[in-house]
Amino acid sequence: MANPLRSEVIRLYKNLLYLGREYPKGGDYVRDRLRAAFTKNKWVQDPEQIKQMIARGEFLAKELEALYYLRKYRAMKKRYYEE
């Protein structure tokens, strides 16, 4: 009995792992934390609860992207404008 949300969970995991490579504390830190979080919720079977967790993970991915864009913006601003 395969869960239809399994592919979404795997996609989210891979996306967060990819985004975590640029995290200030390093990719290893993110991988360990991510693995612990996904392993902790491994036995959840309720589709609604899984969807809520996926939504929370996607929100986290958007926050990471925003953090990276802000870092890039600050670096560009520092290069081209004098303070």
PDB file of N, CA and C in Angstrom:
ATOM      1  N   MET A   1       0.849  -1.185   0.000  1.00  0.00           N
ATOM      2  CA  MET A   1       0.000   0.000   0.000  1.00  0.00           C
ATOM      3  C   MET A   1       0.890   1.243   0.000  1.00  0.00           C
ATOM      4  N   ALA A   2       1.021   1.868  -1.140  1.00  0.00           N
ATOM      5  CA  ALA A   2       1.854   3.067  -1.269  1.00  0.00           C
ATOM      6  C   ALA A   2       1.004   4.313  -1.035  1.00  0.00           C
ATOM      7  N   ASN A   3       1.584   5.237  -0.338  1.00  0.00           N
ATOM      8  CA  ASN A   3       0.893   6.492  -0.061  1.00  0.00           C
ATOM      9  C   ASN A   3       1.010   7.398  -1.275  1.00  0.00           C
ATOM     10  N   PRO A   4      -0.101   7.969  -1.759  1.00  0.00           N
ATOM     11  CA  PRO A   4      -0.033   8.835  -2.940  1.00  0.00           C
ATOM     12  C   PRO A   4       0.748  10.132  -2.699  1.00  0.00           C
ATOM     13  N   LEU A   5       0.943  10.503  -1.449  1.00  0.00           N
ATOM     14  CA  LEU A   5       1.681  11.731  -1.128  1.00  0.00           C
ATOM     15  C   LEU A   5       3.180  11.487  -1.007  1.00  0.00           C
ATOM     16  N   ARG A   6       3.590  10.247  -1.137  1.00  0.00           N
ATOM     17  CA  ARG A   6       5.004   9.893  -0.980  1.00  0.00           C
ATOM     18  C   ARG A   6       5.905  10.664  -1.943  1.00  0.00           C
ATOM     19  N   SER A   7       5.488  10.783  -3.190  1.00  0.00           N
ATOM     20  CA  SER A   7       6.315  11.485  -4.173  1.00  0.00           C
ATOM     21  C   SER A   7       6.443  12.973  -3.823  1.00  0.00           C
ATOM     22  N   GLU A   8       5.375  13.557  -3.286  1.00  0.00           N
ATOM     23  CA  GLU A   8       5.449  14.965  -2.872  1.00  0.00           C
ATOM     24  C   GLU A   8       6.420  15.140  -1.710  1.00  0.00           C
ATOM     25  N   VAL A   9       6.392  14.213  -0.774  1.00  0.00           N
ATOM     26  CA  VAL A   9       7.288  14.282   0.382  1.00  0.00           C
ATOM     27  C   VAL A   9       8.741  14.143  -0.066  1.00  0.00           C
ATOM     28  N   ILE A  10       8.997  13.226  -0.983  1.00  0.00           N
ATOM     29  CA  ILE A  10      10.360  13.030  -1.484  1.00  0.00           C
ATOM     30  C   ILE A  10      10.829  14.262  -2.243  1.00  0.00           C
ATOM     31  N   ARG A  11       9.943  14.855  -3.054  1.00  0.00           N
ATOM     32  CA  ARG A  11      10.283  16.066  -3.793  1.00  0.00           C
ATOM     33  C   ARG A  11      10.622  17.201  -2.835  1.00  0.00           C
ATOM     34  N   LEU A  12       9.821  17.350  -1.781  1.00  0.00           N
ATOM     35  CA  LEU A  12      10.071  18.391  -0.782  1.00  0.00           C
ATOM     36  C   LEU A  12      11.414  18.162  -0.088  1.00  0.00           C
ATOM     37  N   TYR A  13      11.698  16.917   0.270  1.00  0.00           N
ATOM     38  CA  TYR A  13      12.960  16.586   0.939  1.00  0.00           C
ATOM     39  C   TYR A  13      14.149  16.955   0.056  1.00  0.00           C
ATOM     40  N   LYS A  14      14.081  16.568  -1.216  1.00  0.00           N
ATOM     41  CA  LYS A  14      15.181  16.860  -2.138  1.00  0.00           C
ATOM     42  C   LYS A  14      15.339  18.358  -2.357  1.00  0.00           C
ATOM     43  N   ASN A  15      14.216  19.068  -2.453  1.00  0.00           N
ATOM     44  CA  ASN A  15      14.266  20.516  -2.647  1.00  0.00           C
ATOM     45  C   ASN A  15      14.895  21.205  -1.433  1.00  0.00           C
ATOM     46  N   LEU A  16      14.491  20.808  -0.240  1.00  0.00           N
ATOM     47  CA  LEU A  16      15.062  21.401   0.967  1.00  0.00           C
ATOM     48  C   LEU A  16      16.546  21.059   1.095  1.00  0.00           C
ATOM     49  N   LEU A  17      16.916  19.855   0.716  1.00  0.00           N
ATOM     50  CA  LEU A  17      18.320  19.452   0.742  1.00  0.00           C
ATOM     51  C   LEU A  17      19.133  20.312  -0.221  1.00  0.00           C
ATOM     52  N   TYR A  18      18.572  20.564  -1.404  1.00  0.00           N
ATOM     53  CA  TYR A  18      19.244  21.398  -2.404  1.00  0.00           C
ATOM     54  C   TYR A  18      19.393  22.832  -1.891  1.00  0.00           C
ATOM     55  N   LEU A  19      18.324  23.371  -1.318  1.00  0.00           N
ATOM     56  CA  LEU A  19      18.383  24.736  -0.805  1.00  0.00           C
ATOM     57  C   LEU A  19      19.330  24.847   0.392  1.00  0.00           C
ATOM     58  N   GLY A  20      19.483  23.767   1.139  1.00  0.00           N
ATOM     59  CA  GLY A  20      20.317  23.776   2.324  1.00  0.00           C
ATOM     60  C   GLY A  20      21.806  23.843   2.046  1.00  0.00           C
ATOM     61  N   ARG A  21      22.191  23.617   0.798  1.00  0.00           N
ATOM     62  CA  ARG A  21      23.623  23.657   0.472  1.00  0.00           C
ATOM     63  C   ARG A  21      24.227  25.034   0.730  1.00  0.00           C
ATOM     64  N   GLU A  22      23.438  26.073   0.549  1.00  0.00           N
ATOM     65  CA  GLU A  22      23.927  27.441   0.704  1.00  0.00           C
ATOM     66  C   GLU A  22      23.688  28.005   2.105  1.00  0.00           C
ATOM     67  N   TYR A  23      23.139  27.201   2.991  1.00  0.00           N
ATOM     68  CA  TYR A  23      22.811  27.691   4.332  1.00  0.00           C
ATOM     69  C   TYR A  23      24.090  28.095   5.066  1.00  0.00           C
ATOM     70  N   PRO A  24      24.044  29.191   5.826  1.00  0.00           N
ATOM     71  CA  PRO A  24      25.263  29.686   6.492  1.00  0.00           C
ATOM     72  C   PRO A  24      25.969  28.664   7.395  1.00  0.00           C
ATOM     73  N   LYS A  25      25.225  27.777   8.035  1.00  0.00           N
ATOM     74  CA  LYS A  25      25.865  26.790   8.914  1.00  0.00           C
ATOM     75  C   LYS A  25      26.355  25.561   8.161  1.00  0.00           C
ATOM     76  N   GLY A  26      26.067  25.499   6.876  1.00  0.00           N
ATOM     77  CA  GLY A  26      26.599  24.413   6.054  1.00  0.00           C
ATOM     78  C   GLY A  26      25.571  23.367   5.697  1.00  0.00           C
ATOM     79  N   GLY A  27      25.868  22.643   4.633  1.00  0.00           N
ATOM     80  CA  GLY A  27      24.969  21.612   4.137  1.00  0.00           C
ATOM     81  C   GLY A  27      24.829  20.427   5.071  1.00  0.00           C
ATOM     82  N   ASP A  28      25.904  20.094   5.781  1.00  0.00           N
ATOM     83  CA  ASP A  28      25.844  18.965   6.713  1.00  0.00           C
ATOM     84  C   ASP A  28      24.873  19.244   7.854  1.00  0.00           C
ATOM     85  N   TYR A  29      24.893  20.468   8.341  1.00  0.00           N
ATOM     86  CA  TYR A  29      23.980  20.865   9.424  1.00  0.00           C
ATOM     87  C   TYR A  29      22.530  20.713   8.966  1.00  0.00           C
ATOM     88  N   VAL A  30      22.254  21.214   7.770  1.00  0.00           N
ATOM     89  CA  VAL A  30      20.889  21.159   7.244  1.00  0.00           C
ATOM     90  C   VAL A  30      20.470  19.722   6.997  1.00  0.00           C
ATOM     91  N   ARG A  31      21.365  18.921   6.419  1.00  0.00           N
ATOM     92  CA  ARG A  31      21.032  17.524   6.122  1.00  0.00           C
ATOM     93  C   ARG A  31      20.694  16.757   7.395  1.00  0.00           C
ATOM     94  N   ASP A  32      21.480  16.962   8.441  1.00  0.00           N
ATOM     95  CA  ASP A  32      21.218  16.261   9.705  1.00  0.00           C
ATOM     96  C   ASP A  32      19.882  16.669  10.310  1.00  0.00           C
ATOM     97  N   ARG A  33      19.615  17.965  10.323  1.00  0.00           N
ATOM     98  CA  ARG A  33      18.348  18.451  10.884  1.00  0.00           C
ATOM     99  C   ARG A  33      17.152  17.999  10.053  1.00  0.00           C
ATOM    100  N   LEU A  34      17.314  18.049   8.752  1.00  0.00           N
ATOM    101  CA  LEU A  34      16.241  17.660   7.836  1.00  0.00           C
ATOM    102  C   LEU A  34      15.926  16.175   7.978  1.00  0.00           C
ATOM    103  N   ARG A  35      16.965  15.386   8.037  1.00  0.00           N
ATOM    104  CA  ARG A  35      16.769  13.943   8.177  1.00  0.00           C
ATOM    105  C   ARG A  35      16.072  13.615   9.498  1.00  0.00           C
ATOM    106  N   ALA A  36      16.478  14.293  10.564  1.00  0.00           N
ATOM    107  CA  ALA A  36      15.851  14.060  11.871  1.00  0.00           C
ATOM    108  C   ALA A  36      14.369  14.429  11.837  1.00  0.00           C
ATOM    109  N   ALA A  37      14.045  15.547  11.193  1.00  0.00           N
ATOM    110  CA  ALA A  37      12.650  15.992  11.133  1.00  0.00           C
ATOM    111  C   ALA A  37      11.800  15.021  10.314  1.00  0.00           C
ATOM    112  N   PHE A  38      12.320  14.573   9.187  1.00  0.00           N
ATOM    113  CA  PHE A  38      11.546  13.653   8.351  1.00  0.00           C
ATOM    114  C   PHE A  38      11.434  12.280   9.009  1.00  0.00           C
ATOM    115  N   THR A  39      12.479  11.847   9.690  1.00  0.00           N
ATOM    116  CA  THR A  39      12.433  10.547  10.368  1.00  0.00           C
ATOM    117  C   THR A  39      11.457  10.571  11.531  1.00  0.00           C
ATOM    118  N   LYS A  40      11.402  11.700  12.230  1.00  0.00           N
ATOM    119  CA  LYS A  40      10.497  11.819  13.375  1.00  0.00           C
ATOM    120  C   LYS A  40       9.041  11.659  12.939  1.00  0.00           C
ATOM    121  N   ASN A  41       8.712  12.146  11.759  1.00  0.00           N
ATOM    122  CA  ASN A  41       7.337  12.097  11.263  1.00  0.00           C
ATOM    123  C   ASN A  41       7.101  10.962  10.272  1.00  0.00           C
ATOM    124  N   LYS A  42       7.963   9.977  10.322  1.00  0.00           N
ATOM    125  CA  LYS A  42       7.931   8.871   9.372  1.00  0.00           C
ATOM    126  C   LYS A  42       6.635   8.056   9.440  1.00  0.00           C
ATOM    127  N   TRP A  43       6.069   7.931  10.604  1.00  0.00           N
ATOM    128  CA  TRP A  43       4.928   7.041  10.804  1.00  0.00           C
ATOM    129  C   TRP A  43       3.581   7.725  10.670  1.00  0.00           C
ATOM    130  N   VAL A  44       3.549   8.980  10.302  1.00  0.00           N
ATOM    131  CA  VAL A  44       2.282   9.696  10.142  1.00  0.00           C
ATOM    132  C   VAL A  44       1.558   9.126   8.926  1.00  0.00           C
ATOM    133  N   GLN A  45       0.291   8.753   9.098  1.00  0.00           N
ATOM    134  CA  GLN A  45      -0.482   8.134   8.025  1.00  0.00           C
ATOM    135  C   GLN A  45      -1.643   9.002   7.534  1.00  0.00           C
ATOM    136  N   ASP A  46      -2.088   9.936   8.348  1.00  0.00           N
ATOM    137  CA  ASP A  46      -3.243  10.763   8.014  1.00  0.00           C
ATOM    138  C   ASP A  46      -2.905  11.704   6.855  1.00  0.00           C
ATOM    139  N   PRO A  47      -3.607  11.587   5.720  1.00  0.00           N
ATOM    140  CA  PRO A  47      -3.294  12.436   4.557  1.00  0.00           C
ATOM    141  C   PRO A  47      -3.405  13.941   4.842  1.00  0.00           C
ATOM    142  N   GLU A  48      -4.370  14.332   5.644  1.00  0.00           N
ATOM    143  CA  GLU A  48      -4.522  15.761   5.960  1.00  0.00           C
ATOM    144  C   GLU A  48      -3.323  16.281   6.747  1.00  0.00           C
ATOM    145  N   GLN A  49      -2.875  15.492   7.694  1.00  0.00           N
ATOM    146  CA  GLN A  49      -1.720  15.884   8.495  1.00  0.00           C
ATOM    147  C   GLN A  49      -0.452  15.932   7.628  1.00  0.00           C
ATOM    148  N   ILE A  50      -0.329  14.991   6.708  1.00  0.00           N
ATOM    149  CA  ILE A  50       0.822  14.987   5.802  1.00  0.00           C
ATOM    150  C   ILE A  50       0.795  16.228   4.924  1.00  0.00           C
ATOM    151  N   LYS A  51      -0.389  16.604   4.422  1.00  0.00           N
ATOM    152  CA  LYS A  51      -0.515  17.806   3.596  1.00  0.00           C
ATOM    153  C   LYS A  51      -0.124  19.059   4.377  1.00  0.00           C
ATOM    154  N   GLN A  52      -0.505  19.110   5.652  1.00  0.00           N
ATOM    155  CA  GLN A  52      -0.122  20.254   6.492  1.00  0.00           C
ATOM    156  C   GLN A  52       1.392  20.315   6.657  1.00  0.00           C
ATOM    157  N   MET A  53       2.016  19.164   6.857  1.00  0.00           N
ATOM    158  CA  MET A  53       3.473  19.123   7.009  1.00  0.00           C
ATOM    159  C   MET A  53       4.170  19.513   5.716  1.00  0.00           C
ATOM    160  N   ILE A  54       3.625  19.082   4.579  1.00  0.00           N
ATOM    161  CA  ILE A  54       4.192  19.468   3.285  1.00  0.00           C
ATOM    162  C   ILE A  54       4.088  20.973   3.098  1.00  0.00           C
ATOM    163  N   ALA A  55       2.944  21.549   3.471  1.00  0.00           N
ATOM    164  CA  ALA A  55       2.760  23.001   3.351  1.00  0.00           C
ATOM    165  C   ALA A  55       3.766  23.742   4.230  1.00  0.00           C
ATOM    166  N   ARG A  56       4.008  23.233   5.433  1.00  0.00           N
ATOM    167  CA  ARG A  56       4.995  23.846   6.329  1.00  0.00           C
ATOM    168  C   ARG A  56       6.397  23.768   5.730  1.00  0.00           C
ATOM    169  N   GLY A  57       6.712  22.642   5.116  1.00  0.00           N
ATOM    170  CA  GLY A  57       8.011  22.477   4.471  1.00  0.00           C
ATOM    171  C   GLY A  57       8.175  23.396   3.274  1.00  0.00           C
ATOM    172  N   GLU A  58       7.117  23.578   2.493  1.00  0.00           N
ATOM    173  CA  GLU A  58       7.185  24.489   1.348  1.00  0.00           C
ATOM    174  C   GLU A  58       7.347  25.923   1.810  1.00  0.00           C
ATOM    175  N   PHE A  59       6.709  26.271   2.920  1.00  0.00           N
ATOM    176  CA  PHE A  59       6.884  27.609   3.494  1.00  0.00           C
ATOM    177  C   PHE A  59       8.346  27.805   3.899  1.00  0.00           C
ATOM    178  N   LEU A  60       8.928  26.800   4.499  1.00  0.00           N
ATOM    179  CA  LEU A  60      10.334  26.862   4.895  1.00  0.00           C
ATOM    180  C   LEU A  60      11.237  27.046   3.677  1.00  0.00           C
ATOM    181  N   ALA A  61      10.912  26.363   2.590  1.00  0.00           N
ATOM    182  CA  ALA A  61      11.695  26.503   1.356  1.00  0.00           C
ATOM    183  C   ALA A  61      11.610  27.939   0.833  1.00  0.00           C
ATOM    184  N   LYS A  62      10.422  28.528   0.876  1.00  0.00           N
ATOM    185  CA  LYS A  62      10.260  29.915   0.422  1.00  0.00           C
ATOM    186  C   LYS A  62      11.053  30.870   1.309  1.00  0.00           C
ATOM    187  N   GLU A  63      11.066  30.610   2.595  1.00  0.00           N
ATOM    188  CA  GLU A  63      11.833  31.451   3.519  1.00  0.00           C
ATOM    189  C   GLU A  63      13.333  31.355   3.228  1.00  0.00           C
ATOM    190  N   LEU A  64      13.815  30.158   2.954  1.00  0.00           N
ATOM    191  CA  LEU A  64      15.229  29.982   2.614  1.00  0.00           C
ATOM    192  C   LEU A  64      15.572  30.730   1.327  1.00  0.00           C
ATOM    193  N   GLU A  65      14.698  30.630   0.329  1.00  0.00           N
ATOM    194  CA  GLU A  65      14.931  31.348  -0.921  1.00  0.00           C
ATOM    195  C   GLU A  65      14.981  32.849  -0.679  1.00  0.00           C
ATOM    196  N   ALA A  66      14.072  33.346   0.145  1.00  0.00           N
ATOM    197  CA  ALA A  66      14.057  34.775   0.455  1.00  0.00           C
ATOM    198  C   ALA A  66      15.348  35.189   1.164  1.00  0.00           C
ATOM    199  N   LEU A  67      15.831  34.350   2.053  1.00  0.00           N
ATOM    200  CA  LEU A  67      17.082  34.622   2.756  1.00  0.00           C
ATOM    201  C   LEU A  67      18.242  34.722   1.770  1.00  0.00           C
ATOM    202  N   TYR A  68      18.279  33.805   0.809  1.00  0.00           N
ATOM    203  CA  TYR A  68      19.357  33.821  -0.177  1.00  0.00           C
ATOM    204  C   TYR A  68      19.268  35.031  -1.096  1.00  0.00           C
ATOM    205  N   TYR A  69      18.041  35.395  -1.518  1.00  0.00           N
ATOM    206  CA  TYR A  69      17.880  36.578  -2.372  1.00  0.00           C
ATOM    207  C   TYR A  69      18.298  37.837  -1.634  1.00  0.00           C
ATOM    208  N   LEU A  70      17.982  37.911  -0.353  1.00  0.00           N
ATOM    209  CA  LEU A  70      18.377  39.067   0.445  1.00  0.00           C
ATOM    210  C   LEU A  70      19.898  39.141   0.556  1.00  0.00           C
ATOM    211  N   ARG A  71      20.535  38.010   0.744  1.00  0.00           N
ATOM    212  CA  ARG A  71      21.997  37.982   0.830  1.00  0.00           C
ATOM    213  C   ARG A  71      22.622  38.441  -0.490  1.00  0.00           C
ATOM    214  N   LYS A  72      22.071  37.964  -1.615  1.00  0.00           N
ATOM    215  CA  LYS A  72      22.578  38.387  -2.923  1.00  0.00           C
ATOM    216  C   LYS A  72      22.373  39.886  -3.124  1.00  0.00           C
ATOM    217  N   TYR A  73      21.206  40.384  -2.738  1.00  0.00           N
ATOM    218  CA  TYR A  73      20.906  41.806  -2.878  1.00  0.00           C
ATOM    219  C   TYR A  73      21.889  42.649  -2.078  1.00  0.00           C
ATOM    220  N   ARG A  74      22.148  42.243  -0.858  1.00  0.00           N
ATOM    221  CA  ARG A  74      23.083  42.999  -0.017  1.00  0.00           C
ATOM    222  C   ARG A  74      24.491  42.981  -0.597  1.00  0.00           C
ATOM    223  N   ALA A  75      24.913  41.856  -1.142  1.00  0.00           N
ATOM    224  CA  ALA A  75      26.244  41.766  -1.745  1.00  0.00           C
ATOM    225  C   ALA A  75      26.339  42.673  -2.965  1.00  0.00           C
ATOM    226  N   MET A  76      25.307  42.679  -3.797  1.00  0.00           N
ATOM    227  CA  MET A  76      25.300  43.539  -4.985  1.00  0.00           C
ATOM    228  C   MET A  76      25.293  45.014  -4.581  1.00  0.00           C
ATOM    229  N   LYS A  77      24.498  45.338  -3.595  1.00  0.00           N
ATOM    230  CA  LYS A  77      24.409  46.722  -3.137  1.00  0.00           C
ATOM    231  C   LYS A  77      25.755  47.204  -2.591  1.00  0.00           C
ATOM    232  N   LYS A  78      26.422  46.319  -1.868  1.00  0.00           N
ATOM    233  CA  LYS A  78      27.717  46.667  -1.293  1.00  0.00           C
ATOM    234  C   LYS A  78      28.760  46.889  -2.404  1.00  0.00           C
ATOM    235  N   ARG A  79      28.667  46.115  -3.482  1.00  0.00           N
ATOM    236  CA  ARG A  79      29.603  46.250  -4.589  1.00  0.00           C
ATOM    237  C   ARG A  79      29.438  47.561  -5.363  1.00  0.00           C
ATOM    238  N   TYR A  80      28.197  47.965  -5.574  1.00  0.00           N
ATOM    239  CA  TYR A  80      27.936  49.054  -6.507  1.00  0.00           C
ATOM    240  C   TYR A  80      27.631  50.401  -5.875  1.00  0.00           C
ATOM    241  N   TYR A  81      27.327  50.414  -4.609  1.00  0.00           N
ATOM    242  CA  TYR A  81      26.987  51.677  -3.959  1.00  0.00           C
ATOM    243  C   TYR A  81      27.888  51.933  -2.764  1.00  0.00           C
ATOM    244  N   GLU A  82      28.331  53.145  -2.642  1.00  0.00           N
ATOM    245  CA  GLU A  82      29.121  53.523  -1.468  1.00  0.00           C
ATOM    246  C   GLU A  82      28.169  53.963  -0.374  1.00  0.00           C
ATOM    247  N   GLU A  83      28.558  53.656   0.832  1.00  0.00           N
ATOM    248  CA  GLU A  83      27.687  54.050   1.950  1.00  0.00           C
ATOM    249  C   GLU A  83      28.167  55.320   2.596  1.00  0.00           C
TER     250      GLU A  83
END
